[in-house]
Amino acid sequence: MKLVLASNNAGKLAELQAMFSPLGVELVRQSDLGVGEAEEPYRTFVENALAKARHAAAATGLPALADDAGLCVRAFDGLPGVDTAYYATQFGYEKGDANNVRALLEQMAGIEDRRAALVSTLVAVRTPDDPEPLIAVGRAAGEITREPAGSNGFGFDPVMFIPAFGQTFAQLPVETKNVHSHRGQAARAMLALMRERWLAD
């Protein structure tokens, strides 16, 4: 089965393709099919992911999978949340992972409560009008470090310390991270939903 991935993020494509390959699912980035990015006007991950999935399905005629993910910091009442990708731009930096990390560490410099969670919401639709979208959520809780550590992963992985491992996500082997990450959790839940709802005879 071919699914259009409603994202142009190469890191997400690589992670999700590895997770979905056991189902025989081939993910194709929407940009490879000439599809532009959807509007994301909503304040929740699930609404934005659904909007992205419907947009990609409408433009390609294929079933679509969308991910909306972000960092939810306890001391910031759950923000940056859906604005995670653009976090750095609020503080005069250009958009980008390194600047996001830099801005976050600056904003948290005097904060003792460093609890945070990376949240991933995956939504899959068979058609743009699918009345029963598949929705899967993954959540990886940890703490924001005071400086980056590790070179694996992307986004906030270098500052997301996972107490169970005593390391940041960026310090973990890719296979370990994929199992325990927010996206890994959401992908496993989505695979189970697809097997049950879409692929069962």
Foldseek 3Di string as FASTA:
>chain_A
DEAEELDPDPQLQVLLCVLCVVVVYHYHYLVVVVADHFDQPDQAFVVSQLRSQLSSCAVPVAKYKYKQKAKQWVVVVGPPHSCQQVCLVVVPDDGFQVSSLVVVLVVCVPPDRFKMKIKMWMWIAGHSVRPDIDIFMFIQIAGFANDFDAQDDTHSQRGGQHVVVRHGLRNDDPVVSLCRHGVNRRSVSVVVVCVVPPVDD
